[in-house]
Each structure stands twice: as C-alpha cells, then as structure tokens.
Amino acid sequence: MLKVWGRNNSSNVQKVMWCIGELGVPHERVEAGRQFGIVDEPHYRAMNPNGKIPTAEDDGAILWESNAICRHLARKHGRLMPTALADQARVDMWMDWQQTELGAAVGPVFLGLVRTDPDKRNMAAIDAAKMSAIAAMKVLDAHLAGHLYVVGNTFSVADIPMGVMAFRYKALVPESPAYANLDRWYAAIGERPAFRAHVSGIPLT
C-alpha cells in the first residue's frame, strides 16, 4: 500500500493527498513534521536525507519532493497526466513554475502572517512578498485566459500544486486585484471533493 509521511496542514503534503484523493488510491498517511517529529529520526533520514515532508513509499520506491510524487502517481495510475508529450512537458513547466515563482512568493506571506507572532512580523518583507505573489498570479491569470485548466481544458496534475497555492493566496492576500480567469478556474477546482477534503477543508496553521 502507498504510504505517505507528513502532517495534513503542510502545503506540500496537501498536494500529494489531493492527488491521491483524485486517483482514489488506497494509502496510509503517517503524521510527521513539526509537532509530530519523526523527520529527524535515523529511519526517516535514511528515506529522505532532507528531513522534510512529504516522503512517500510506493511499491518499494521511496520518493520525496511533492510535485515529483504527484507526477509519479499520475503516470502510474494513468490519470491526471496528458498523453501528448508536449502537454506532459507543459505539466512539468507549470509545476516547476509553482515552486520557483508562485510558491516562492506565497510561502513568505504564509510564514509571516500565520507562523510568526504579530509582534515579530516583518511587515515590509510580508508586503514585498504579497506584491510578488500578486505579480505571479497575474501571469497565471493571463495564461488561463486561453483554456479552462492549467494545461488545456481538462483537469490535470498541474492544477494541484497551483490550487494549493491559490487557496493560501486568496486567504492571505486580500489586496489582490480581481483576476477573472483565475477566479473562474479556482471556482471550478473548489468544487472538487478531493480539494475540499485535503486543502480548503483544513485551516491554515
């Protein structure tokens, strides 16, 4: 059985759990990280030398990096991954962009407003990160003008990391301008049961 280590309020774990929910794959999730510990224990470091979450074990294969786990599951189970090679490359492209651009902007906003005590917040840094997040979302909004989902008109694994970040963005960046294409796409993914179960149904903590 697929086994995943990680707490359910981690954005990276949420990506994997949402993907699992879409695929309907039998699995076990083990609480790990922050208050649950485990990540610094030798047996965990032997699986994931970074000591981060999530880590997954699937038929003897040990995997880490949330986007890579999601792509693996999509390919293995023959769903959520486009068949055309060019579209698969676009999946990789946008999932990489989520990490290097969108996640890099939304992450500091989350850490500053959710994980930092109010009297210790660096509001200048938080505001700068918000502006970067707004700019990244403008890129995604423009991209979504041409189709319903991130890669074409069918929901794919590429929508999952973007959707997790969009949930945090909408909760933490009320200054965002109106992005019609983004809002239409977000409303569509918001109706998906696996998104509600593993992302929007879990408080930001």
Protein backbone atom coordinates (compact mmCIF):
# COMPACT_ATOMS: atom_id res chain seq x y z
CA MET A 1 0.00 0.00 0.00
CA LEU A 2 1.11 3.57 -0.72
CA LYS A 3 2.41 5.21 2.45
CA VAL A 4 2.86 8.95 2.95
CA TRP A 5 4.62 10.67 5.82
CA GLY A 6 3.53 14.23 6.61
CA ARG A 7 1.02 16.34 8.52
CA ASN A 8 -2.14 17.35 6.71
CA ASN A 9 -1.70 21.13 7.14
CA SER A 10 1.53 21.18 5.11
CA SER A 11 1.00 22.62 1.64
CA ASN A 12 3.37 20.07 0.12
CA VAL A 13 1.63 17.16 1.82
CA GLN A 14 -1.71 18.59 0.70
CA LYS A 15 -0.59 18.37 -2.92
CA VAL A 16 0.12 14.67 -2.56
CA MET A 17 -3.05 13.93 -0.59
CA TRP A 18 -5.21 15.84 -3.07
CA CYS A 19 -3.63 13.86 -5.91
CA ILE A 20 -4.28 10.61 -4.04
CA GLY A 21 -7.86 11.71 -3.45
CA GLU A 22 -8.40 12.36 -7.15
CA LEU A 23 -6.97 8.97 -8.05
CA GLY A 24 -8.74 7.04 -5.31
CA VAL A 25 -5.56 5.19 -4.37
CA PRO A 26 -5.55 3.10 -1.15
CA HIS A 27 -2.99 4.62 1.19
CA GLU A 28 -1.80 5.23 4.69
CA ARG A 29 -0.70 8.63 5.96
CA VAL A 30 1.65 8.88 8.95
CA GLU A 31 1.74 12.14 10.88
CA ALA A 32 5.22 13.65 10.62
CA GLY A 33 6.85 17.06 10.85
CA ARG A 34 6.67 19.92 13.35
CA GLN A 35 4.81 18.76 16.50
CA PHE A 36 4.77 15.15 15.30
CA GLY A 37 8.53 14.83 14.95
CA ILE A 38 9.84 11.71 13.13
CA VAL A 39 11.67 13.70 10.42
CA ASP A 40 14.94 13.80 12.37
CA GLU A 41 14.90 10.13 13.30
CA PRO A 42 17.52 7.96 11.56
CA HIS A 43 15.00 5.73 9.79
CA TYR A 44 13.29 8.76 8.28
CA ARG A 45 16.55 10.45 7.27
CA ALA A 46 17.52 7.20 5.55
CA MET A 47 14.46 7.66 3.34
CA ASN A 48 14.63 11.44 2.99
CA PRO A 49 18.03 12.98 3.79
CA ASN A 50 16.46 16.45 3.75
CA GLY A 51 14.36 15.68 6.81
CA LYS A 52 11.33 17.31 5.22
CA ILE A 53 7.81 16.25 4.31
CA PRO A 54 6.28 14.59 2.44
CA THR A 55 8.02 11.32 1.84
CA ALA A 56 6.20 8.51 0.06
CA GLU A 57 6.84 4.79 -0.27
CA ASP A 58 5.11 3.17 -3.23
CA ASP A 59 5.77 -0.47 -4.07
CA GLY A 60 9.23 -0.22 -2.54
CA ALA A 61 10.12 3.07 -4.25
CA ILE A 62 10.97 5.88 -1.83
CA LEU A 63 10.13 9.32 -3.19
CA TRP A 64 10.31 12.87 -1.91
CA GLU A 65 9.56 16.29 -3.40
CA SER A 66 5.79 16.74 -3.55
CA ASN A 67 5.48 17.62 -7.22
CA ALA A 68 7.58 14.61 -8.24
CA ILE A 69 5.39 12.33 -6.10
CA CYS A 70 2.26 13.72 -7.75
CA ARG A 71 3.66 13.22 -11.26
CA HIS A 72 4.69 9.68 -10.39
CA LEU A 73 1.22 8.81 -9.13
CA ALA A 74 -0.46 10.38 -12.15
CA ARG A 75 1.71 8.42 -14.57
CA LYS A 76 1.45 5.17 -12.64
CA HIS A 77 -2.33 5.23 -12.43
CA GLY A 78 -2.90 6.55 -15.93
CA ARG A 79 -4.91 9.57 -14.90
CA LEU A 80 -4.32 13.31 -14.42
CA MET A 81 -1.42 13.27 -16.90
CA PRO A 82 -1.96 14.32 -20.55
CA THR A 83 -1.00 11.77 -23.19
CA ALA A 84 0.76 14.17 -25.58
CA LEU A 85 4.45 14.60 -24.79
CA ALA A 86 4.29 18.35 -25.35
CA ASP A 87 1.46 18.62 -22.84
CA GLN A 88 3.40 16.49 -20.36
CA ALA A 89 6.25 18.96 -20.73
CA ARG A 90 3.81 21.80 -20.04
CA VAL A 91 2.73 19.98 -16.88
CA ASP A 92 6.37 19.87 -15.79
CA MET A 93 6.86 23.52 -16.76
CA TRP A 94 3.94 24.85 -14.73
CA MET A 95 4.63 22.60 -11.75
CA ASP A 96 8.23 23.86 -11.73
CA TRP A 97 6.93 27.42 -12.01
CA GLN A 98 4.76 26.84 -8.97
CA GLN A 99 7.86 26.06 -6.94
CA THR A 100 10.23 28.70 -8.30
CA GLU A 101 7.82 31.64 -8.72
CA LEU A 102 4.38 31.26 -7.16
CA GLY A 103 5.34 29.20 -4.13
CA ALA A 104 8.44 31.33 -3.56
CA ALA A 105 6.17 34.37 -3.25
CA VAL A 106 3.21 32.92 -1.33
CA GLY A 107 5.41 31.00 1.11
CA PRO A 108 6.89 34.05 2.88
CA VAL A 109 3.42 35.59 3.19
CA PHE A 110 2.16 32.43 4.89
CA LEU A 111 5.16 32.21 7.20
CA GLY A 112 4.92 35.88 8.07
CA LEU A 113 1.19 36.04 8.77
CA VAL A 114 0.43 32.53 10.03
CA ARG A 115 3.61 31.17 11.59
CA THR A 116 5.00 34.39 13.08
CA ASP A 117 3.71 36.12 16.21
CA PRO A 118 2.21 39.54 15.40
CA ASP A 119 4.84 41.43 17.40
CA LYS A 120 7.65 39.73 15.48
CA ARG A 121 6.35 40.17 11.93
CA ASN A 122 8.45 41.97 9.35
CA MET A 123 5.60 43.73 7.60
CA ALA A 124 7.84 45.28 4.95
CA ALA A 125 9.04 41.83 3.91
CA ILE A 126 5.50 40.44 4.02
CA ASP A 127 4.18 43.28 1.87
CA ALA A 128 7.00 42.78 -0.64
CA ALA A 129 6.17 39.06 -0.81
CA LYS A 130 2.49 39.93 -1.37
CA MET A 131 3.45 42.09 -4.35
CA SER A 132 5.48 39.21 -5.77
CA ALA A 133 2.55 36.86 -5.27
CA ILE A 134 0.16 39.29 -6.98
CA ALA A 135 2.56 39.54 -9.93
CA ALA A 136 2.83 35.75 -10.18
CA MET A 137 -0.93 35.37 -10.10
CA LYS A 138 -1.20 37.89 -12.92
CA VAL A 139 0.92 35.53 -15.02
CA LEU A 140 -1.32 32.59 -14.18
CA ASP A 141 -4.48 34.62 -14.82
CA ALA A 142 -3.26 35.63 -18.28
CA HIS A 143 -2.34 32.03 -19.05
CA LEU A 144 -5.79 30.80 -18.01
CA ALA A 145 -7.46 33.14 -20.49
CA GLY A 146 -6.89 30.56 -23.23
CA HIS A 147 -8.28 27.41 -21.58
CA LEU A 148 -10.17 26.04 -18.62
CA TYR A 149 -7.28 24.50 -16.70
CA VAL A 150 -3.53 24.98 -16.38
CA VAL A 151 -2.77 22.57 -19.24
CA GLY A 152 -5.63 22.59 -21.72
CA ASN A 153 -9.31 22.10 -20.96
CA THR A 154 -9.02 19.04 -18.74
CA PHE A 155 -8.10 18.98 -15.06
CA SER A 156 -4.61 17.55 -14.65
CA VAL A 157 -1.92 17.05 -12.06
CA ALA A 158 -0.62 20.53 -12.97
CA ASP A 159 -3.68 22.11 -11.36
CA ILE A 160 -2.96 20.53 -7.98
CA PRO A 161 0.10 22.50 -6.77
CA MET A 162 -1.36 25.66 -8.28
CA GLY A 163 -4.64 25.10 -6.46
CA VAL A 164 -2.93 24.64 -3.09
CA MET A 165 -1.07 27.92 -3.56
CA ALA A 166 -4.22 29.69 -4.78
CA PHE A 167 -6.06 28.68 -1.61
CA ARG A 168 -3.36 30.28 0.53
CA TYR A 169 -3.12 33.30 -1.73
CA LYS A 170 -6.82 34.03 -1.53
CA ALA A 171 -6.79 33.68 2.25
CA LEU A 172 -3.71 35.82 2.85
CA VAL A 173 -3.61 38.43 0.07
CA PRO A 174 -6.91 40.33 0.22
CA GLU A 175 -5.19 43.19 -1.62
CA SER A 176 -5.19 41.12 -4.80
CA PRO A 177 -6.80 42.75 -7.81
CA ALA A 178 -9.67 40.95 -9.47
CA TYR A 179 -8.40 38.21 -11.74
CA ALA A 180 -11.39 36.91 -13.70
CA ASN A 181 -9.69 33.90 -15.31
CA LEU A 182 -8.06 32.87 -12.05
CA ASP A 183 -11.36 33.18 -10.19
CA ARG A 184 -13.20 31.08 -12.77
CA TRP A 185 -10.56 28.35 -12.58
CA TYR A 186 -10.45 28.49 -8.78
CA ALA A 187 -14.23 28.14 -8.57
CA ALA A 188 -14.01 25.02 -10.73
CA ILE A 189 -11.33 23.31 -8.63
CA GLY A 190 -13.15 24.41 -5.49
CA GLU A 191 -15.99 22.08 -6.41
CA ARG A 192 -13.75 19.02 -6.44
CA PRO A 193 -14.32 16.80 -3.38
CA ALA A 194 -10.63 15.94 -3.02
CA PHE A 195 -9.72 19.65 -2.93
CA ARG A 196 -12.28 20.24 -0.21
CA ALA A 197 -11.13 17.24 1.80
CA HIS A 198 -7.39 17.86 1.64
CA VAL A 199 -6.96 21.61 1.06
CA SER A 200 -9.81 24.03 1.64
CA GLY A 201 -11.26 21.99 4.50
CA ILE A 202 -8.07 22.32 6.56
CA PRO A 203 -7.35 25.56 8.48
CA LEU A 204 -4.15 27.46 7.78
CA THR A 205 -1.90 26.78 10.75
